[in-house]
Protein backbone atom coordinates (compact mmCIF):
# COMPACT_ATOMS: atom_id res chain seq x y z
CA UNK A 1 -25.07 21.99 -31.49
CA UNK A 2 -26.60 20.98 -28.15
CA UNK A 3 -24.43 23.05 -25.80
CA UNK A 4 -25.98 21.51 -22.69
CA UNK A 5 -25.00 18.04 -23.91
CA UNK A 6 -21.49 19.28 -24.74
CA UNK A 7 -21.10 20.78 -21.26
CA UNK A 8 -22.22 17.53 -19.65
CA UNK A 9 -19.77 15.53 -21.74
CA UNK A 10 -16.89 17.87 -20.89
CA UNK A 11 -17.82 17.74 -17.23
CA UNK A 12 -17.80 13.94 -17.30
CA UNK A 13 -14.46 13.94 -19.09
CA UNK A 14 -12.73 16.20 -16.58
CA UNK A 15 -14.05 14.18 -13.63
CA UNK A 16 -12.74 10.88 -14.93
CA UNK A 17 -9.21 10.40 -13.63
CA UNK A 18 -6.93 7.86 -15.23
CA UNK A 19 -5.46 5.25 -12.93
CA UNK A 20 -1.78 5.59 -12.15
CA UNK A 21 0.28 2.66 -13.44
CA UNK A 22 4.03 1.91 -13.42
CA UNK A 23 6.03 4.39 -15.50
CA UNK A 24 9.03 6.70 -15.23
CA UNK A 25 6.65 9.46 -14.15
CA UNK A 26 4.75 7.37 -11.60
CA UNK A 27 6.50 8.70 -8.50
CA UNK A 28 9.11 11.17 -7.21
CA UNK A 29 12.30 9.13 -7.30
CA UNK A 30 14.12 11.38 -4.80
CA UNK A 31 12.14 9.72 -2.00
CA UNK A 32 13.11 6.15 -2.97
CA UNK A 33 16.04 5.50 -0.66
CA UNK A 34 17.22 2.53 1.44
CA UNK A 35 15.53 2.63 4.80
CA UNK A 36 14.52 0.52 7.78
CA UNK A 37 11.67 1.35 10.11
CA UNK A 38 9.38 -0.23 12.67
CA UNK A 39 5.81 0.49 13.75
CA UNK A 40 3.75 -0.73 16.68
CA UNK A 41 0.34 -2.07 15.66
CA UNK A 42 -2.71 -1.45 17.86
CA UNK A 43 -6.40 -2.32 17.77
CA UNK A 44 -8.69 0.43 19.07
CA UNK A 45 -11.73 -0.27 21.23
CA UNK A 46 -13.71 2.73 22.43
CA UNK A 47 -10.99 5.00 23.84
CA UNK A 48 -8.44 2.25 24.58
CA UNK A 49 -5.58 0.98 22.41
CA UNK A 50 -4.41 -2.64 22.70
CA UNK A 51 -1.10 -3.71 21.17
CA UNK A 52 -1.40 -6.39 18.49
CA UNK A 53 2.23 -6.62 17.50
CA UNK A 54 4.86 -4.88 15.40
CA UNK A 55 5.66 -4.32 11.74
CA UNK A 56 9.23 -3.87 10.51
CA UNK A 57 9.88 -2.75 6.94
CA UNK A 58 13.09 -2.45 4.97
CA UNK A 59 13.65 -0.90 1.54
CA UNK A 60 16.69 -2.31 -0.27
CA UNK A 61 18.10 -0.50 -3.33
CA UNK A 62 20.04 -2.75 -5.72
CA UNK A 63 20.82 -0.60 -8.76
CA UNK A 64 17.84 -1.19 -11.04
CA UNK A 65 15.53 -2.83 -8.52
CA UNK A 66 13.86 -1.97 -5.24
CA UNK A 67 12.92 -4.62 -2.69
CA UNK A 68 10.49 -4.09 0.16
CA UNK A 69 10.78 -6.63 3.00
CA UNK A 70 8.03 -6.53 5.62
CA UNK A 71 8.06 -8.61 8.80
CA UNK A 72 5.00 -8.80 11.05
CA UNK A 73 5.20 -10.17 14.60
CA UNK A 74 1.94 -10.69 16.48
CA UNK A 75 1.75 -10.88 20.27
CA UNK A 76 0.94 -14.34 21.56
CA UNK A 77 1.66 -16.02 18.21
CA UNK A 78 4.70 -18.06 17.27
CA UNK A 79 6.63 -17.19 14.15
CA UNK A 80 6.46 -14.15 11.89
CA UNK A 81 4.74 -13.11 8.67
CA UNK A 82 7.30 -12.14 6.03
CA UNK A 83 6.58 -10.49 2.68
CA UNK A 84 9.16 -9.60 0.08
CA UNK A 85 8.27 -7.55 -3.01
CA UNK A 86 10.66 -6.78 -5.86
CA UNK A 87 9.95 -4.08 -8.45
CA UNK A 88 11.82 -2.17 -11.15
CA UNK A 89 13.33 0.97 -9.63
CA UNK A 90 12.69 3.20 -12.63
CA UNK A 91 8.96 2.51 -12.91
CA UNK A 92 7.92 0.44 -9.84
CA UNK A 93 6.71 -2.24 -12.24
CA UNK A 94 6.29 -5.36 -10.08
CA UNK A 95 8.57 -8.36 -10.62
CA UNK A 96 7.98 -10.80 -7.76
CA UNK A 97 6.10 -11.07 -4.46
CA UNK A 98 6.92 -13.82 -1.96
CA UNK A 99 4.91 -14.22 1.26
CA UNK A 100 5.30 -16.76 4.07
CA UNK A 101 3.42 -17.15 7.35
CA UNK A 102 1.98 -19.85 9.58
CA UNK A 103 -1.32 -19.96 7.69
CA UNK A 104 -0.28 -19.80 4.06
CA UNK A 105 2.60 -19.45 1.60
CA UNK A 106 2.37 -17.49 -1.65
CA UNK A 107 4.62 -16.71 -4.59
CA UNK A 108 3.59 -14.37 -7.42
CA UNK A 109 5.68 -13.75 -10.55
CA UNK A 110 4.31 -10.67 -12.28
CA UNK A 111 3.80 -10.14 -15.99
CA UNK A 112 0.77 -9.86 -18.25
CA UNK A 113 0.04 -13.37 -16.98
CA UNK A 114 0.61 -13.57 -13.23
CA UNK A 115 1.94 -17.00 -12.26
CA UNK A 116 2.87 -18.70 -9.01
CA UNK A 117 1.17 -20.64 -6.24
CA UNK A 118 -0.87 -20.24 -3.07
CA UNK A 119 -0.62 -22.87 -0.31
CA UNK A 120 -3.30 -22.92 2.38
CA UNK A 121 -1.52 -24.68 5.26
CA UNK A 122 -4.70 -25.15 7.28
CA UNK A 123 -6.36 -27.08 4.45
CA UNK A 124 -3.17 -28.63 3.09
CA UNK A 125 -4.10 -27.33 -0.36
CA UNK A 126 -1.90 -25.72 -3.02
CA UNK A 127 -3.44 -23.69 -5.85
CA UNK A 128 -1.42 -22.99 -8.99
CA UNK A 129 -1.88 -19.42 -10.21
CA UNK A 130 -2.14 -18.34 -13.84
CA UNK A 131 -4.07 -15.09 -14.06
CA UNK A 132 -4.19 -13.06 -17.27
CA UNK A 133 -4.33 -9.30 -16.62
CA UNK A 134 -5.64 -6.67 -18.99
CA UNK A 135 -4.03 -3.58 -17.50
CA UNK A 136 -0.73 -2.46 -15.99
CA UNK A 137 -0.55 -2.43 -12.18
CA UNK A 138 1.53 -2.05 -9.02
CA UNK A 139 1.98 -4.86 -6.48
CA UNK A 140 -0.58 -4.33 -3.70
CA UNK A 141 2.20 -4.92 -1.16
CA UNK A 142 4.14 -1.93 -2.53
CA UNK A 143 1.30 0.56 -2.80
CA UNK A 144 1.39 1.88 0.79
CA UNK A 145 5.05 2.74 0.17
CA UNK A 146 4.13 4.35 -3.16
CA UNK A 147 1.65 6.61 -1.32
CA UNK A 148 4.61 8.20 0.48
CA UNK A 149 6.47 8.80 -2.79
CA UNK A 150 3.67 10.50 -4.74
CA UNK A 151 3.84 14.26 -5.53
CA UNK A 152 1.73 15.08 -2.49
CA UNK A 153 0.19 18.53 -2.09
CA UNK A 154 -3.04 19.97 -0.75
CA UNK A 155 -6.01 18.81 -2.81
CA UNK A 156 -4.04 16.04 -4.56
CA UNK A 157 -6.09 12.98 -5.59
CA UNK A 158 -5.11 9.87 -7.53
CA UNK A 159 -6.38 6.40 -8.36
CA UNK A 160 -3.84 3.56 -8.41
CA UNK A 161 -4.09 0.25 -10.27
CA UNK A 162 -2.87 -2.54 -7.96
CA UNK A 163 -2.79 -6.32 -8.22
CA UNK A 164 -3.87 -8.39 -5.23
CA UNK A 165 -4.31 -12.16 -4.91
CA UNK A 166 -6.75 -13.37 -2.27
CA UNK A 167 -8.69 -16.59 -2.88
CA UNK A 168 -11.30 -15.59 -0.29
CA UNK A 169 -11.89 -12.11 -1.68
CA UNK A 170 -11.34 -10.11 -4.86
CA UNK A 171 -8.36 -11.17 -7.00
CA UNK A 172 -6.81 -9.30 -9.91
CA UNK A 173 -6.24 -5.67 -10.82
CA UNK A 174 -8.21 -3.51 -8.41
CA UNK A 175 -8.17 0.13 -7.32
CA UNK A 176 -6.67 2.08 -4.47
CA UNK A 177 -7.64 5.75 -4.26
CA UNK A 178 -5.95 8.77 -2.72
CA UNK A 179 -9.08 10.76 -1.91
CA UNK A 180 -7.73 13.76 -0.03
CA UNK A 181 -4.44 15.34 1.00
CA UNK A 182 -4.24 18.09 3.61
CA UNK A 183 -1.65 19.68 5.91
CA UNK A 184 -1.32 19.02 9.63
CA UNK A 185 1.27 18.36 12.35
CA UNK A 186 2.42 15.30 14.28
CA UNK A 187 4.12 15.43 17.66
CA UNK A 188 7.04 13.01 17.88
CA UNK A 189 8.46 12.09 21.27
CA UNK A 190 12.04 12.59 20.02
CA UNK A 191 11.74 14.80 16.93
CA UNK A 192 9.16 17.23 18.33
CA UNK A 193 6.42 18.78 16.21
CA UNK A 194 6.61 17.75 12.56
CA UNK A 195 4.74 19.17 9.55
CA UNK A 196 2.94 16.28 7.87
CA UNK A 197 0.67 15.42 4.99
CA UNK A 198 -2.61 13.80 6.02
CA UNK A 199 -3.40 11.37 3.21
CA UNK A 200 -6.81 9.68 3.12
CA UNK A 201 -6.83 6.44 1.14
CA UNK A 202 -9.37 3.73 0.31
CA UNK A 203 -8.81 0.43 -1.50
CA UNK A 204 -10.73 -2.57 -2.76
CA UNK A 205 -8.62 -5.08 -0.84
CA UNK A 206 -10.74 -4.85 2.30
CA UNK A 207 -13.06 -2.00 1.30
CA UNK A 208 -11.40 -0.16 4.15
CA UNK A 209 -9.97 3.30 4.59
CA UNK A 210 -6.68 4.57 5.95
CA UNK A 211 -5.20 7.89 6.97
CA UNK A 212 -1.42 8.30 6.64
CA UNK A 213 0.58 10.89 8.63
CA UNK A 214 3.56 11.48 6.30
CA UNK A 215 6.43 13.83 7.13
CA UNK A 216 6.69 16.64 4.57
CA UNK A 217 10.48 16.91 4.91
CA UNK A 218 11.57 13.29 4.42
CA UNK A 219 8.33 11.31 3.79
CA UNK A 220 8.72 9.27 6.99
CA UNK A 221 5.48 7.56 7.99
CA UNK A 222 4.75 8.58 11.57
CA UNK A 223 1.30 7.09 11.99
CA UNK A 224 -1.46 5.29 10.12
CA UNK A 225 -5.07 4.78 11.16
CA UNK A 226 -7.11 1.99 9.56
CA UNK A 227 -10.85 1.25 9.40
CA UNK A 228 -11.56 -2.18 7.89
CA UNK A 229 -13.91 -5.08 8.52
CA UNK A 230 -15.64 -3.29 11.36
CA UNK A 231 -12.33 -2.82 13.22
CA UNK A 232 -10.38 0.31 14.05
CA UNK A 233 -6.61 0.00 14.13
CA UNK A 234 -3.57 2.25 14.39
CA UNK A 235 0.12 1.93 13.61
CA UNK A 236 2.66 4.27 15.24
CA UNK A 237 6.34 4.67 14.37
CA UNK A 238 8.80 3.28 16.90
CA UNK A 239 11.24 5.99 17.98
């Protein structure tokens, strides 16, 4: 037997990590509770932070389903951007994603074949969606919430299969990756110094990277930094 070849094969096998998909073991269910929170959204330029707007999120628990409702308000712009994602509570398997804003409307009904429509209001064009998938997945709108509910610990890593629809970018089942988890602290104006998980994440939606500051005690998201498209941004919890 070629022991060198065997060692290389075993090394390759142990380095290949299966993507996480919806299942009863996908997340720690104790963290999935009704909640409402708001964050202020900033763009960073050199050492200055300029407010872009605010993001309000609400998790609704209705027996066997969870719904995440996200509302984005941008300074200087009329109207809001509203996204609503429904998934099965037991597994986080996606059911429906509805998104409305001043630029486009979108509805996705999830199954092996994703159906729905995408209306570009600027072009006055509606595209009917019928996309056959070949793997299980989470809704891309849910995955930042899922990050908070994972079994986080120092050194934890995980790849996530997510579905994203974007006619001007990559559409279909793509990957988000938890690359590193470490311990740190966050100083809250009202709650004082909190022990947090620093979670470094990349995804194929924008080929960007994020760092989440997640409270160890209750999984509250205190802060998120984002690098994407040549821009640096930050979101901070409203207290």
